[in-house]
C-alpha atoms as a PDB file:
ATOM      1  CA  MET A   1      38.131  45.302 -32.802  1.00  0.00           C
ATOM      2  CA  THR A   2      39.752  41.964 -31.978  1.00  0.00           C
ATOM      3  CA  VAL A   3      40.069  42.913 -28.293  1.00  0.00           C
ATOM      4  CA  ASP A   4      36.358  43.698 -28.137  1.00  0.00           C
ATOM      5  CA  LEU A   5      35.519  40.442 -29.915  1.00  0.00           C
ATOM      6  CA  ARG A   6      37.731  38.433 -27.564  1.00  0.00           C
ATOM      7  CA  ARG A   7      36.246  40.170 -24.532  1.00  0.00           C
ATOM      8  CA  ALA A   8      32.737  39.457 -25.788  1.00  0.00           C
ATOM      9  CA  LEU A   9      33.576  35.775 -26.360  1.00  0.00           C
ATOM     10  CA  MET A  10      35.185  35.497 -22.902  1.00  0.00           C
ATOM     11  CA  THR A  11      32.152  37.123 -21.293  1.00  0.00           C
ATOM     12  CA  ARG A  12      29.843  34.781 -23.169  1.00  0.00           C
ATOM     13  CA  ALA A  13      31.844  31.710 -22.105  1.00  0.00           C
ATOM     14  CA  LYS A  14      31.855  32.875 -18.494  1.00  0.00           C
ATOM     15  CA  ASN A  15      28.102  33.452 -18.592  1.00  0.00           C
ATOM     16  CA  GLN A  16      27.574  29.963 -20.010  1.00  0.00           C
ATOM     17  CA  ARG A  17      29.753  28.466 -17.258  1.00  0.00           C
ATOM     18  CA  ASP A  18      27.824  30.393 -14.628  1.00  0.00           C
ATOM     19  CA  GLN A  19      24.535  29.274 -16.146  1.00  0.00           C
ATOM     20  CA  SER A  20      25.586  25.622 -16.173  1.00  0.00           C
ATOM     21  CA  LEU A  21      26.682  25.914 -12.540  1.00  0.00           C
ATOM     22  CA  ILE A  22      23.357  27.533 -11.641  1.00  0.00           C
ATOM     23  CA  ASN A  23      21.527  24.726 -13.465  1.00  0.00           C
ATOM     24  CA  LYS A  24      23.511  22.071 -11.590  1.00  0.00           C
ATOM     25  CA  VAL A  25      22.788  23.678  -8.238  1.00  0.00           C
ATOM     26  CA  ARG A  26      19.130  24.120  -9.129  1.00  0.00           C
ATOM     27  CA  TYR A  27      18.849  20.471 -10.222  1.00  0.00           C
ATOM     28  CA  SER A  28      20.526  19.174  -7.060  1.00  0.00           C
ATOM     29  CA  MET A  29      18.304  21.319  -4.845  1.00  0.00           C
ATOM     30  CA  GLN A  30      15.247  20.182  -6.780  1.00  0.00           C
ATOM     31  CA  THR A  31      16.116  16.501  -6.355  1.00  0.00           C
ATOM     32  CA  TYR A  32      16.920  17.063  -2.666  1.00  0.00           C
ATOM     33  CA  TYR A  33      13.577  18.693  -1.997  1.00  0.00           C
ATOM     34  CA  CYS A  34      11.712  16.070  -4.034  1.00  0.00           C
ATOM     35  CA  GLY A  35      13.378  13.347  -1.969  1.00  0.00           C
ATOM     36  CA  LEU A  36      12.566  15.191   1.239  1.00  0.00           C
ATOM     37  CA  VAL A  37       8.904  15.586   0.267  1.00  0.00           C
ATOM     38  CA  ALA A  38       8.688  11.928  -0.768  1.00  0.00           C
ATOM     39  CA  MET A  39      10.173  10.844   2.565  1.00  0.00           C
ATOM     40  CA  VAL A  40       7.738  13.030   4.526  1.00  0.00           C
ATOM     41  CA  VAL A  41       4.804  11.701   2.491  1.00  0.00           C
ATOM     42  CA  ALA A  42       5.918   8.099   3.037  1.00  0.00           C
ATOM     43  CA  LYS A  43       6.334   8.647   6.789  1.00  0.00           C
ATOM     44  CA  GLY A  44       2.955  10.364   6.957  1.00  0.00           C
ATOM     45  CA  ARG A  45       1.341   7.507   5.073  1.00  0.00           C
ATOM     46  CA  LEU A  46       2.934   4.948   7.405  1.00  0.00           C
ATOM     47  CA  TRP A  47       1.791   6.934  10.430  1.00  0.00           C
ATOM     48  CA  LEU A  48      -1.728   7.212   9.002  1.00  0.00           C
ATOM     49  CA  MET A  49      -1.856   3.490   8.260  1.00  0.00           C
ATOM     50  CA  GLY A  50      -0.659   2.788  11.781  1.00  0.00           C
ATOM     51  CA  MET A  51      -3.329   5.036  13.240  1.00  0.00           C
ATOM     52  CA  LEU A  52      -6.089   3.560  11.093  1.00  0.00           C
ATOM     53  CA  PHE A  53      -5.184  -0.125  11.082  1.00  0.00           C
ATOM     54  CA  GLY A  54      -2.915  -0.415  14.117  1.00  0.00           C
ATOM     55  CA  SER A  55      -5.640  -1.166  16.629  1.00  0.00           C
ATOM     56  CA  ARG A  56      -7.400  -3.488  14.201  1.00  0.00           C
ATOM     57  CA  LEU A  57      -4.191  -5.426  13.505  1.00  0.00           C
ATOM     58  CA  HIS A  58      -3.416  -5.577  17.201  1.00  0.00           C
ATOM     59  CA  SER A  59      -6.848  -6.984  18.046  1.00  0.00           C
ATOM     60  CA  ARG A  60      -6.544  -9.461  15.161  1.00  0.00           C
ATOM     61  CA  GLN A  61      -3.218 -10.678  16.534  1.00  0.00           C
ATOM     62  CA  LEU A  62      -4.807 -11.121  19.933  1.00  0.00           C
ATOM     63  CA  ASP A  63      -7.687 -13.075  18.393  1.00  0.00           C
ATOM     64  CA  LEU A  64      -5.247 -15.252  16.478  1.00  0.00           C
ATOM     65  CA  SER A  65      -3.167 -16.020  19.562  1.00  0.00           C
ATOM     66  CA  GLY A  66      -6.338 -16.733  21.541  1.00  0.00           C
ATOM     67  CA  SER A  67      -7.607 -19.160  18.917  1.00  0.00           C
ATOM     68  CA  LEU A  68      -4.182 -20.848  18.782  1.00  0.00           C
ATOM     69  CA  SER A  69      -4.174 -21.329  22.544  1.00  0.00           C
ATOM     70  CA  MET A  70      -7.689 -22.805  22.328  1.00  0.00           C
ATOM     71  CA  ILE A  71      -6.523 -25.266  19.645  1.00  0.00           C
ATOM     72  CA  LYS A  72      -3.588 -26.276  21.815  1.00  0.00           C
ATOM     73  CA  SER A  73      -5.806 -26.805  24.839  1.00  0.00           C
ATOM     74  CA  TYR A  74      -7.995 -29.256  22.907  1.00  0.00           C
ATOM     75  CA  ASP A  75      -4.965 -31.430  22.079  1.00  0.00           C
END
């Protein structure tokens, strides 16, 4: 009777330890994949912004430098 009870308690404790280990691994994998997805989304957003506004920003910089050189030439 006591041996069966002790064996049952030991099995239960081992199962709880295994479950906590599984939960820790699951949580770490979940955070890793969330971070990976967030990084990919951020890189994709930066790439998309570069594709959409890159040429516009580049032409604006050229216009700004051209207007600055015109101001300098008048002085």
